[in-house]
PDB file of N, CA and C in Angstrom:
ATOM      1  N   UNK A   1     241.537  32.492  42.093  1.00  0.00           N
ATOM      2  CA  UNK A   1     241.978  33.789  41.666  1.00  0.00           C
ATOM      3  C   UNK A   1     240.954  34.827  42.152  1.00  0.00           C
ATOM      4  N   UNK A   2     241.438  35.904  42.704  1.00  0.00           N
ATOM      5  CA  UNK A   2     240.535  36.923  43.237  1.00  0.00           C
ATOM      6  C   UNK A   2     239.986  37.797  42.108  1.00  0.00           C
ATOM      7  N   UNK A   3     238.952  38.533  42.421  1.00  0.00           N
ATOM      8  CA  UNK A   3     238.323  39.418  41.431  1.00  0.00           C
ATOM      9  C   UNK A   3     239.340  40.437  40.908  1.00  0.00           C
ATOM     10  N   UNK A   4     240.144  40.992  41.815  1.00  0.00           N
ATOM     11  CA  UNK A   4     241.153  41.981  41.422  1.00  0.00           C
ATOM     12  C   UNK A   4     242.173  41.371  40.467  1.00  0.00           C
ATOM     13  N   UNK A   5     242.604  40.154  40.758  1.00  0.00           N
ATOM     14  CA  UNK A   5     243.569  39.468  39.889  1.00  0.00           C
ATOM     15  C   UNK A   5     242.972  39.190  38.518  1.00  0.00           C
ATOM     16  N   UNK A   6     241.706  38.807  38.494  1.00  0.00           N
ATOM     17  CA  UNK A   6     241.032  38.547  37.214  1.00  0.00           C
ATOM     18  C   UNK A   6     240.952  39.831  36.386  1.00  0.00           C
ATOM     19  N   UNK A   7     240.615  40.931  37.038  1.00  0.00           N
ATOM     20  CA  UNK A   7     240.514  42.215  36.338  1.00  0.00           C
ATOM     21  C   UNK A   7     241.876  42.622  35.780  1.00  0.00           C
ATOM     22  N   UNK A   8     242.912  42.497  36.597  1.00  0.00           N
ATOM     23  CA  UNK A   8     244.267  42.856  36.145  1.00  0.00           C
ATOM     24  C   UNK A   8     244.700  41.983  34.973  1.00  0.00           C
ATOM     25  N   UNK A   9     244.442  40.696  35.059  1.00  0.00           N
ATOM     26  CA  UNK A   9     244.808  39.763  33.988  1.00  0.00           C
ATOM     27  C   UNK A   9     244.070  40.125  32.701  1.00  0.00           C
ATOM     28  N   UNK A  10     242.789  40.454  32.818  1.00  0.00           N
ATOM     29  CA  UNK A  10     241.983  40.802  31.652  1.00  0.00           C
ATOM     30  C   UNK A  10     242.459  42.113  31.032  1.00  0.00           C
ATOM     31  N   UNK A  11     242.748  43.105  31.857  1.00  0.00           N
ATOM     32  CA  UNK A  11     243.242  44.391  31.346  1.00  0.00           C
ATOM     33  C   UNK A  11     244.574  44.202  30.635  1.00  0.00           C
ATOM     34  N   UNK A  12     245.456  43.405  31.198  1.00  0.00           N
ATOM     35  CA  UNK A  12     246.747  43.133  30.550  1.00  0.00           C
ATOM     36  C   UNK A  12     246.548  42.463  29.197  1.00  0.00           C
ATOM     37  N   UNK A  13     245.637  41.518  29.132  1.00  0.00           N
ATOM     38  CA  UNK A  13     245.348  40.843  27.870  1.00  0.00           C
ATOM     39  C   UNK A  13     244.739  41.812  26.863  1.00  0.00           C
ATOM     40  N   UNK A  14     243.845  42.684  27.320  1.00  0.00           N
ATOM     41  CA  UNK A  14     243.232  43.663  26.429  1.00  0.00           C
ATOM     42  C   UNK A  14     244.266  44.630  25.857  1.00  0.00           C
ATOM     43  N   UNK A  15     245.231  45.006  26.663  1.00  0.00           N
ATOM     44  CA  UNK A  15     246.278  45.917  26.196  1.00  0.00           C
ATOM     45  C   UNK A  15     247.136  45.301  25.090  1.00  0.00           C
ATOM     46  N   UNK A  16     247.182  43.978  25.023  1.00  0.00           N
ATOM     47  CA  UNK A  16     247.976  43.288  24.002  1.00  0.00           C
ATOM     48  C   UNK A  16     247.199  43.064  22.710  1.00  0.00           C
ATOM     49  N   UNK A  17     245.881  43.217  22.762  1.00  0.00           N
ATOM     50  CA  UNK A  17     245.036  42.955  21.592  1.00  0.00           C
ATOM     51  C   UNK A  17     244.861  44.196  20.731  1.00  0.00           C
ATOM     52  N   UNK A  18     244.616  43.986  19.420  1.00  0.00           N
ATOM     53  CA  UNK A  18     244.238  45.120  18.579  1.00  0.00           C
ATOM     54  C   UNK A  18     242.872  45.664  19.018  1.00  0.00           C
ATOM     55  N   UNK A  19     242.602  46.906  18.663  1.00  0.00           N
ATOM     56  CA  UNK A  19     241.377  47.566  19.115  1.00  0.00           C
ATOM     57  C   UNK A  19     240.112  46.801  18.714  1.00  0.00           C
ATOM     58  N   UNK A  20     240.083  46.243  17.503  1.00  0.00           N
ATOM     59  CA  UNK A  20     238.878  45.532  17.044  1.00  0.00           C
ATOM     60  C   UNK A  20     238.584  44.311  17.915  1.00  0.00           C
ATOM     61  N   UNK A  21     239.623  43.635  18.349  1.00  0.00           N
ATOM     62  CA  UNK A  21     239.420  42.476  19.215  1.00  0.00           C
ATOM     63  C   UNK A  21     239.019  42.915  20.618  1.00  0.00           C
ATOM     64  N   UNK A  22     239.521  44.049  21.049  1.00  0.00           N
ATOM     65  CA  UNK A  22     239.112  44.590  22.339  1.00  0.00           C
ATOM     66  C   UNK A  22     237.621  44.894  22.365  1.00  0.00           C
ATOM     67  N   UNK A  23     237.113  45.379  21.227  1.00  0.00           N
ATOM     68  CA  UNK A  23     235.672  45.647  21.119  1.00  0.00           C
ATOM     69  C   UNK A  23     234.869  44.351  21.239  1.00  0.00           C
ATOM     70  N   UNK A  24     235.398  43.267  20.677  1.00  0.00           N
ATOM     71  CA  UNK A  24     234.724  41.975  20.793  1.00  0.00           C
ATOM     72  C   UNK A  24     234.673  41.516  22.248  1.00  0.00           C
ATOM     73  N   UNK A  25     235.758  41.741  22.971  1.00  0.00           N
ATOM     74  CA  UNK A  25     235.796  41.379  24.388  1.00  0.00           C
ATOM     75  C   UNK A  25     234.776  42.207  25.156  1.00  0.00           C
ATOM     76  N   UNK A  26     234.685  43.491  24.844  1.00  0.00           N
ATOM     77  CA  UNK A  26     233.710  44.356  25.507  1.00  0.00           C
ATOM     78  C   UNK A  26     232.287  43.901  25.203  1.00  0.00           C
ATOM     79  N   UNK A  27     232.028  43.507  23.951  1.00  0.00           N
ATOM     80  CA  UNK A  27     230.701  43.001  23.586  1.00  0.00           C
ATOM     81  C   UNK A  27     230.375  41.731  24.358  1.00  0.00           C
ATOM     82  N   UNK A  28     231.377  40.847  24.478  1.00  0.00           N
ATOM     83  CA  UNK A  28     231.165  39.604  25.216  1.00  0.00           C
ATOM     84  C   UNK A  28     230.874  39.892  26.681  1.00  0.00           C
ATOM     85  N   UNK A  29     231.609  40.839  27.265  1.00  0.00           N
ATOM     86  CA  UNK A  29     231.380  41.205  28.664  1.00  0.00           C
ATOM     87  C   UNK A  29     229.962  41.753  28.842  1.00  0.00           C
ATOM     88  N   UNK A  30     229.517  42.600  27.901  1.00  0.00           N
ATOM     89  CA  UNK A  30     228.143  43.110  27.957  1.00  0.00           C
ATOM     90  C   UNK A  30     227.121  41.984  27.880  1.00  0.00           C
ATOM     91  N   UNK A  31     227.407  41.011  27.008  1.00  0.00           N
ATOM     92  CA  UNK A  31     226.521  39.844  26.874  1.00  0.00           C
ATOM     93  C   UNK A  31     226.435  39.077  28.191  1.00  0.00           C
ATOM     94  N   UNK A  32     227.570  38.863  28.839  1.00  0.00           N
ATOM     95  CA  UNK A  32     227.591  38.117  30.096  1.00  0.00           C
ATOM     96  C   UNK A  32     226.840  38.869  31.196  1.00  0.00           C
ATOM     97  N   UNK A  33     226.986  40.196  31.236  1.00  0.00           N
ATOM     98  CA  UNK A  33     226.266  40.999  32.227  1.00  0.00           C
ATOM     99  C   UNK A  33     224.763  40.878  31.995  1.00  0.00           C
ATOM    100  N   UNK A  34     224.345  40.992  30.750  1.00  0.00           N
ATOM    101  CA  UNK A  34     222.917  40.897  30.425  1.00  0.00           C
ATOM    102  C   UNK A  34     222.374  39.511  30.780  1.00  0.00           C
ATOM    103  N   UNK A  35     223.135  38.476  30.449  1.00  0.00           N
ATOM    104  CA  UNK A  35     222.726  37.097  30.756  1.00  0.00           C
ATOM    105  C   UNK A  35     222.564  36.907  32.262  1.00  0.00           C
ATOM    106  N   UNK A  36     223.509  37.430  33.035  1.00  0.00           N
ATOM    107  CA  UNK A  36     223.454  37.313  34.492  1.00  0.00           C
ATOM    108  C   UNK A  36     222.246  38.053  35.053  1.00  0.00           C
ATOM    109  N   UNK A  37     221.987  39.248  34.537  1.00  0.00           N
ATOM    110  CA  UNK A  37     220.832  40.022  34.998  1.00  0.00           C
ATOM    111  C   UNK A  37     219.527  39.301  34.687  1.00  0.00           C
ATOM    112  N   UNK A  38     219.438  38.698  33.492  1.00  0.00           N
ATOM    113  CA  UNK A  38     218.226  37.964  33.117  1.00  0.00           C
ATOM    114  C   UNK A  38     218.008  36.757  34.018  1.00  0.00           C
ATOM    115  N   UNK A  39     219.083  36.023  34.320  1.00  0.00           N
ATOM    116  CA  UNK A  39     218.968  34.859  35.199  1.00  0.00           C
ATOM    117  C   UNK A  39     218.529  35.284  36.593  1.00  0.00           C
ATOM    118  N   UNK A  40     219.091  36.390  37.078  1.00  0.00           N
ATOM    119  CA  UNK A  40     218.731  36.900  38.397  1.00  0.00           C
ATOM    120  C   UNK A  40     217.257  37.307  38.412  1.00  0.00           C
ATOM    121  N   UNK A  41     216.815  37.975  37.350  1.00  0.00           N
ATOM    122  CA  UNK A  41     215.426  38.413  37.269  1.00  0.00           C
ATOM    123  C   UNK A  41     214.480  37.208  37.185  1.00  0.00           C
ATOM    124  N   UNK A  42     214.831  36.210  36.386  1.00  0.00           N
ATOM    125  CA  UNK A  42     213.993  35.022  36.260  1.00  0.00           C
ATOM    126  C   UNK A  42     213.875  34.276  37.575  1.00  0.00           C
ATOM    127  N   UNK A  43     214.976  34.144  38.300  1.00  0.00           N
ATOM    128  CA  UNK A  43     214.910  33.432  39.580  1.00  0.00           C
ATOM    129  C   UNK A  43     214.088  34.238  40.587  1.00  0.00           C
ATOM    130  N   UNK A  44     214.169  35.567  40.522  1.00  0.00           N
ATOM    131  CA  UNK A  44     213.346  36.402  41.399  1.00  0.00           C
ATOM    132  C   UNK A  44     211.870  36.272  41.087  1.00  0.00           C
ATOM    133  N   UNK A  45     211.537  36.242  39.809  1.00  0.00           N
ATOM    134  CA  UNK A  45     210.141  36.071  39.403  1.00  0.00           C
ATOM    135  C   UNK A  45     209.634  34.708  39.836  1.00  0.00           C
ATOM    136  N   UNK A  46     210.446  33.682  39.608  1.00  0.00           N
ATOM    137  CA  UNK A  46     210.050  32.325  40.004  1.00  0.00           C
ATOM    138  C   UNK A  46     209.827  32.246  41.505  1.00  0.00           C
ATOM    139  N   UNK A  47     210.710  32.835  42.264  1.00  0.00           N
ATOM    140  CA  UNK A  47     210.581  32.830  43.725  1.00  0.00           C
ATOM    141  C   UNK A  47     209.304  33.563  44.149  1.00  0.00           C
ATOM    142  N   UNK A  48     209.022  34.683  43.519  1.00  0.00           N
ATOM    143  CA  UNK A  48     207.812  35.449  43.851  1.00  0.00           C
ATOM    144  C   UNK A  48     206.550  34.649  43.552  1.00  0.00           C
ATOM    145  N   UNK A  49     206.530  33.978  42.425  1.00  0.00           N
ATOM    146  CA  UNK A  49     205.363  33.186  42.042  1.00  0.00           C
ATOM    147  C   UNK A  49     205.161  32.021  43.004  1.00  0.00           C
ATOM    148  N   UNK A  50     206.261  31.343  43.345  1.00  0.00           N
ATOM    149  CA  UNK A  50     206.159  30.188  44.242  1.00  0.00           C
ATOM    150  C   UNK A  50     205.643  30.587  45.622  1.00  0.00           C
ATOM    151  N   UNK A  51     205.993  31.761  46.073  1.00  0.00           N
ATOM    152  CA  UNK A  51     205.633  32.177  47.423  1.00  0.00           C
ATOM    153  C   UNK A  51     204.428  33.113  47.482  1.00  0.00           C
ATOM    154  N   UNK A  52     203.813  33.401  46.343  1.00  0.00           N
ATOM    155  CA  UNK A  52     202.728  34.376  46.327  1.00  0.00           C
ATOM    156  C   UNK A  52     201.398  33.805  46.813  1.00  0.00           C
ATOM    157  N   UNK A  53     201.201  32.531  46.651  1.00  0.00           N
ATOM    158  CA  UNK A  53     199.923  31.933  47.035  1.00  0.00           C
ATOM    159  C   UNK A  53     198.867  32.066  45.951  1.00  0.00           C
ATOM    160  N   UNK A  54     199.226  32.624  44.801  1.00  0.00           N
ATOM    161  CA  UNK A  54     198.264  32.812  43.715  1.00  0.00           C
ATOM    162  C   UNK A  54     197.725  31.476  43.196  1.00  0.00           C
ATOM    163  N   UNK A  55     198.524  30.438  43.291  1.00  0.00           N
ATOM    164  CA  UNK A  55     198.095  29.131  42.798  1.00  0.00           C
ATOM    165  C   UNK A  55     197.829  28.149  43.936  1.00  0.00           C
ATOM    166  N   UNK A  56     197.613  28.650  45.115  1.00  0.00           N
ATOM    167  CA  UNK A  56     197.379  27.797  46.276  1.00  0.00           C
ATOM    168  C   UNK A  56     196.111  26.959  46.114  1.00  0.00           C
ATOM    169  N   UNK A  57     195.146  27.471  45.352  1.00  0.00           N
ATOM    170  CA  UNK A  57     193.894  26.744  45.160  1.00  0.00           C
ATOM    171  C   UNK A  57     194.114  25.400  44.484  1.00  0.00           C
ATOM    172  N   UNK A  58     195.190  25.254  43.740  1.00  0.00           N
ATOM    173  CA  UNK A  58     195.466  24.002  43.039  1.00  0.00           C
ATOM    174  C   UNK A  58     195.757  22.878  44.034  1.00  0.00           C
ATOM    175  N   UNK A  59     196.395  23.206  45.133  1.00  0.00           N
ATOM    176  CA  UNK A  59     196.722  22.192  46.134  1.00  0.00           C
ATOM    177  C   UNK A  59     195.471  21.594  46.767  1.00  0.00           C
ATOM    178  N   UNK A  60     194.395  22.379  46.823  1.00  0.00           N
ATOM    179  CA  UNK A  60     193.174  21.934  47.474  1.00  0.00           C
ATOM    180  C   UNK A  60     192.241  21.168  46.538  1.00  0.00           C
ATOM    181  N   UNK A  61     192.507  21.195  45.244  1.00  0.00           N
ATOM    182  CA  UNK A  61     191.638  20.505  44.292  1.00  0.00           C
ATOM    183  C   UNK A  61     191.841  18.997  44.377  1.00  0.00           C
ATOM    184  N   UNK A  62     190.737  18.288  44.207  1.00  0.00           N
ATOM    185  CA  UNK A  62     190.837  16.831  44.170  1.00  0.00           C
ATOM    186  C   UNK A  62     191.291  16.398  42.784  1.00  0.00           C
ATOM    187  N   UNK A  63     191.921  15.246  42.713  1.00  0.00           N
ATOM    188  CA  UNK A  63     192.359  14.723  41.425  1.00  0.00           C
ATOM    189  C   UNK A  63     191.148  14.262  40.634  1.00  0.00           C
ATOM    190  N   UNK A  64     191.067  14.720  39.376  1.00  0.00           N
ATOM    191  CA  UNK A  64     189.925  14.353  38.535  1.00  0.00           C
ATOM    192  C   UNK A  64     190.112  12.984  37.890  1.00  0.00           C
ATOM    193  N   UNK A  65     191.351  12.633  37.616  1.00  0.00           N
ATOM    194  CA  UNK A  65     191.624  11.385  36.930  1.00  0.00           C
ATOM    195  C   UNK A  65     192.673  10.584  37.694  1.00  0.00           C
ATOM    196  N   UNK A  66     192.662   9.291  37.448  1.00  0.00           N
ATOM    197  CA  UNK A  66     193.670   8.430  38.049  1.00  0.00           C
ATOM    198  C   UNK A  66     194.223   7.500  36.975  1.00  0.00           C
ATOM    199  N   UNK A  67     195.139   6.646  37.347  1.00  0.00           N
ATOM    200  CA  UNK A  67     195.712   5.677  36.419  1.00  0.00           C
ATOM    201  C   UNK A  67     194.629   4.728  35.907  1.00  0.00           C
ATOM    202  N   UNK A  68     193.640   4.451  36.721  1.00  0.00           N
ATOM    203  CA  UNK A  68     192.573   3.541  36.328  1.00  0.00           C
ATOM    204  C   UNK A  68     191.732   4.089  35.175  1.00  0.00           C
ATOM    205  N   UNK A  69     191.761   5.400  34.936  1.00  0.00           N
ATOM    206  CA  UNK A  69     190.990   6.010  33.860  1.00  0.00           C
ATOM    207  C   UNK A  69     191.649   5.860  32.494  1.00  0.00           C
ATOM    208  N   UNK A  70     192.895   5.408  32.454  1.00  0.00           N
ATOM    209  CA  UNK A  70     193.590   5.261  31.179  1.00  0.00           C
ATOM    210  C   UNK A  70     193.047   4.083  30.407  1.00  0.00           C
ATOM    211  N   UNK A  71     192.904   4.275  29.081  1.00  0.00           N
ATOM    212  CA  UNK A  71     192.475   3.184  28.226  1.00  0.00           C
ATOM    213  C   UNK A  71     193.669   2.311  27.833  1.00  0.00           C
ATOM    214  N   UNK A  72     194.812   2.956  27.602  1.00  0.00           N
ATOM    215  CA  UNK A  72     196.031   2.245  27.265  1.00  0.00           C
ATOM    216  C   UNK A  72     197.128   2.674  28.208  1.00  0.00           C
ATOM    217  N   UNK A  73     197.895   1.716  28.666  1.00  0.00           N
ATOM    218  CA  UNK A  73     199.027   2.017  29.526  1.00  0.00           C
ATOM    219  C   UNK A  73     200.299   1.638  28.804  1.00  0.00           C
ATOM    220  N   UNK A  74     201.242   2.544  28.780  1.00  0.00           N
ATOM    221  CA  UNK A  74     202.486   2.304  28.061  1.00  0.00           C
ATOM    222  C   UNK A  74     203.582   1.958  29.009  1.00  0.00           C
TER     223      UNK A  74
END
């Protein structure tokens, strides 16, 4: 279904609902927009951190401990 068809279907459904239920649909749509924006922002932040090189020093550090240092192995 295309975006235009989805919009038309939703508008038709909204026209059949009482006003109070239409407000609930609008609130839900606002929630979905906010959720999408947050996910987009989080993925952008994650991408920036991964590619920034701020933690590149960790790759060069030697391992301080190994499996042999464990007292108990589960």
